[in-house]
Amino acid sequence: MTGPEREPHTAEEPTGAPVEPPVGEEPTAGQPRRSGLRNPERAVRGLGAGTLSLEALVLLLAIQPIRVVGGDLGGAAIGAVVALAVAAVVLAGMMRRPWAWNAGTVLQGLLLLGGLLHWSLLGLGIIFALVWAYALHVRRVILG
């Protein structure tokens, strides 16, 4: 290095700004835990919106294979799947609202109840409930 050497673990920069702890070390008691993201709230909202958008797409694409292979998927069941997909898209667009995360959890429960209409909807409900639980975990870790 051509510049002056710095102490590796100083509490403050010369400007008075706090120094981030090195990678792998926990912050001290006075420092908030930082995720390393520029806008953690936006990143978490994007994760939730992406999860719900993917769920809506999978639900809509699953209608025809369920009808062909599974057999007895009636009009009411197809309407329920389409309604769940529309609700997922609407919630994906409303992830800025604090209640949207709770509504997304309710949506996963409704999809699980869709298993009463057809067994494959129960399978999709289990898969997406696990994905949603992981998204909630990531949200809790990042936002605290």
Protein backbone atom coordinates (compact mmCIF):
# COMPACT_ATOMS: atom_id res chain seq x y z
CA MET A 1 0.00 0.00 0.00
CA THR A 2 1.23 3.46 -0.78
CA GLY A 3 -1.04 5.33 1.68
CA PRO A 4 -0.89 5.51 5.45
CA GLU A 5 -1.81 2.31 7.28
CA ARG A 6 -5.07 2.26 9.29
CA GLU A 7 -5.90 0.47 12.48
CA PRO A 8 -8.19 -2.46 11.55
CA HIS A 9 -10.72 -2.04 14.37
CA THR A 10 -11.26 1.64 15.07
CA ALA A 11 -14.54 2.74 16.61
CA GLU A 12 -14.95 5.82 14.42
CA GLU A 13 -13.63 7.19 11.18
CA PRO A 14 -11.81 10.54 11.39
CA THR A 15 -15.05 12.16 10.20
CA GLY A 16 -16.95 10.76 13.18
CA ALA A 17 -18.90 8.17 11.16
CA PRO A 18 -19.12 4.70 12.71
CA VAL A 19 -17.11 1.94 11.11
CA GLU A 20 -18.79 -1.30 10.08
CA PRO A 21 -17.43 -4.38 11.83
CA PRO A 22 -15.40 -6.70 9.60
CA VAL A 23 -17.25 -9.46 7.78
CA GLY A 24 -18.06 -12.35 10.07
CA GLU A 25 -17.99 -10.31 13.28
CA GLU A 26 -21.08 -9.24 15.15
CA PRO A 27 -21.60 -5.50 15.73
CA THR A 28 -20.97 -4.15 19.18
CA ALA A 29 -23.80 -3.24 21.52
CA GLY A 30 -24.02 0.38 20.36
CA GLN A 31 -24.11 -0.32 16.63
CA PRO A 32 -27.20 -1.46 14.73
CA ARG A 33 -26.94 -4.67 12.75
CA ARG A 34 -26.72 -3.84 9.06
CA SER A 35 -27.75 -6.16 6.28
CA GLY A 36 -25.42 -4.67 3.68
CA LEU A 37 -28.37 -3.73 1.46
CA ARG A 38 -28.86 -0.12 0.42
CA ASN A 39 -32.61 -0.31 1.02
CA PRO A 40 -33.50 -3.42 3.03
CA GLU A 41 -37.24 -2.64 3.12
CA ARG A 42 -37.37 -2.46 -0.65
CA ALA A 43 -35.43 -5.72 -1.01
CA VAL A 44 -37.81 -7.52 1.33
CA ARG A 45 -40.86 -6.10 -0.46
CA GLY A 46 -39.39 -7.36 -3.73
CA LEU A 47 -38.95 -10.83 -2.25
CA GLY A 48 -42.57 -10.91 -1.10
CA ALA A 49 -43.90 -9.55 -4.40
CA GLY A 50 -41.78 -11.99 -6.39
CA THR A 51 -42.96 -14.91 -4.33
CA LEU A 52 -46.62 -13.99 -4.76
CA SER A 53 -46.18 -13.31 -8.49
CA LEU A 54 -44.55 -16.69 -8.99
CA GLU A 55 -47.37 -18.32 -7.04
CA ALA A 56 -49.98 -16.66 -9.24
CA LEU A 57 -48.20 -17.79 -12.40
CA VAL A 58 -47.89 -21.38 -11.19
CA LEU A 59 -51.54 -21.48 -10.15
CA LEU A 60 -52.73 -20.28 -13.54
CA LEU A 61 -50.43 -22.64 -15.43
CA ALA A 62 -51.50 -25.57 -13.27
CA ILE A 63 -55.17 -25.41 -14.26
CA GLN A 64 -54.92 -27.24 -17.57
CA PRO A 65 -52.61 -30.07 -16.44
CA ILE A 66 -54.80 -30.66 -13.40
CA ARG A 67 -57.89 -30.84 -15.63
CA VAL A 68 -56.25 -33.20 -18.13
CA VAL A 69 -54.37 -35.51 -15.79
CA GLY A 70 -56.26 -35.15 -12.53
CA GLY A 71 -59.72 -35.37 -13.97
CA ASP A 72 -62.40 -33.97 -11.70
CA LEU A 73 -61.49 -30.28 -11.45
CA GLY A 74 -64.87 -28.59 -11.82
CA GLY A 75 -65.85 -25.04 -12.65
CA ALA A 76 -65.98 -23.97 -9.01
CA ALA A 77 -62.47 -25.30 -8.41
CA ILE A 78 -61.13 -23.52 -11.49
CA GLY A 79 -62.82 -20.31 -10.33
CA ALA A 80 -61.23 -20.70 -6.90
CA VAL A 81 -57.78 -21.18 -8.44
CA VAL A 82 -58.21 -18.12 -10.66
CA ALA A 83 -59.45 -16.08 -7.67
CA LEU A 84 -56.41 -17.13 -5.63
CA ALA A 85 -54.10 -16.20 -8.50
CA VAL A 86 -55.75 -12.78 -8.87
CA ALA A 87 -55.50 -12.23 -5.11
CA ALA A 88 -51.79 -13.13 -5.24
CA VAL A 89 -51.19 -10.59 -8.03
CA VAL A 90 -53.10 -7.88 -6.16
CA LEU A 91 -51.15 -8.58 -2.97
CA ALA A 92 -47.88 -8.56 -4.88
CA GLY A 93 -48.68 -5.02 -5.97
CA MET A 94 -49.57 -3.96 -2.42
CA MET A 95 -46.48 -5.17 -0.57
CA ARG A 96 -45.80 -1.62 0.66
CA ARG A 97 -48.76 -1.92 2.98
CA PRO A 98 -47.86 -3.43 6.36
CA TRP A 99 -50.92 -5.71 6.34
CA ALA A 100 -49.97 -7.29 2.99
CA TRP A 101 -47.61 -9.78 4.68
CA ASN A 102 -50.43 -11.01 6.91
CA ALA A 103 -52.78 -11.20 3.93
CA GLY A 104 -50.15 -13.24 2.05
CA THR A 105 -50.08 -15.68 4.95
CA VAL A 106 -53.88 -15.96 4.80
CA LEU A 107 -53.60 -16.57 1.06
CA GLN A 108 -51.31 -19.54 1.73
CA GLY A 109 -53.89 -20.94 4.14
CA LEU A 110 -56.63 -20.55 1.54
CA LEU A 111 -54.52 -22.41 -1.00
CA LEU A 112 -54.04 -25.21 1.52
CA LEU A 113 -57.82 -25.31 1.95
CA GLY A 114 -58.04 -25.60 -1.83
CA GLY A 115 -56.75 -29.11 -1.26
CA LEU A 116 -60.35 -29.98 -0.39
CA LEU A 117 -61.24 -29.28 -4.03
CA HIS A 118 -58.33 -31.26 -5.53
CA TRP A 119 -55.32 -33.03 -4.03
CA SER A 120 -52.86 -31.24 -6.33
CA LEU A 121 -53.92 -27.88 -4.88
CA LEU A 122 -52.91 -29.22 -1.47
CA GLY A 123 -49.49 -30.08 -2.91
CA LEU A 124 -49.11 -26.59 -4.35
CA GLY A 125 -50.34 -25.15 -1.06
CA ILE A 126 -47.69 -27.01 0.91
CA ILE A 127 -44.92 -25.95 -1.46
CA PHE A 128 -45.91 -22.29 -1.48
CA ALA A 129 -46.57 -22.23 2.27
CA LEU A 130 -42.97 -23.37 2.77
CA VAL A 131 -41.67 -20.76 0.32
CA TRP A 132 -43.74 -18.07 2.05
CA ALA A 133 -42.46 -19.18 5.46
CA TYR A 134 -38.92 -18.78 4.15
CA ALA A 135 -39.73 -15.30 2.81
CA LEU A 136 -41.11 -14.36 6.25
CA HIS A 137 -37.93 -15.69 7.84
CA VAL A 138 -35.74 -13.63 5.51
CA ARG A 139 -37.87 -10.57 6.26
CA ARG A 140 -37.45 -11.09 10.00
CA VAL A 141 -33.69 -11.55 9.69
CA ILE A 142 -33.14 -8.51 7.47
CA LEU A 143 -35.53 -6.07 9.09
CA GLY A 144 -35.16 -7.36 12.63
